[in-house]
Amino acid sequence: MSLPSVESLIEKLSQALTPYFSSPAAQPIIVGIETGGAWIAAQLHQRIAPDTELGRLNISFYRDDFTRSGLHPTVKPSSLPTEIDDKTIILVDDVLHSGRTVRAAMNEIFDYGRPKRIILAILIDRGEREIPIQADIVGATTELDSSSHIKLEGPDPLRLVIKTLDNHAQ
């Protein structure tokens, strides 16, 4: 199975998100989920609205599978604008699968304040949710067997790869 190019998917997301930036009075805040979502968010931010604020979430402490997967040895702090109340947040991630990462990210966002709206933009949607979460904007949709995962490698260059359980830990 071949995956689409990251560049073409970022361009598709860019075109779909541009209308949200049409009002100078109410600019959304682009927020990427570490690590892949933050890379994509930075690209979108540069293309659509480089003069607006950009945020980054590290959801390590918000995951509900923390005891199973453990904590990554280098946890970077989250970085959000000081004021998110009544703002539109464009939440960006690389792959949507179970929905647990997005749930954790939304929990962290609400610890910072109460946004007006959260728009979920995803590079690749794998389906097979464990939690009822749906993306608003999707670059591409694909299905894989349960032993495979899609991983965004980067940051330069960004590329999508399919990993099986045997080589996923590499």
Foldseek 3Di string as FASTA:
>chain_A
DDDDWLVQLLVQLLVVCQVQCPDVVAGAEEEAEPDQRLLSSVVSCVPRPVPDHYWYCDLQVQFPCCVPPPGDPDGDHTGDPQDQDQHEYEYGYEEAAACRSVVSVVVVVVVSHHYNYYAYEYAEYADHYVDPDDHPHYSYYDHDPPQKDWDWDDVVPTGIDIDGVVGPVD
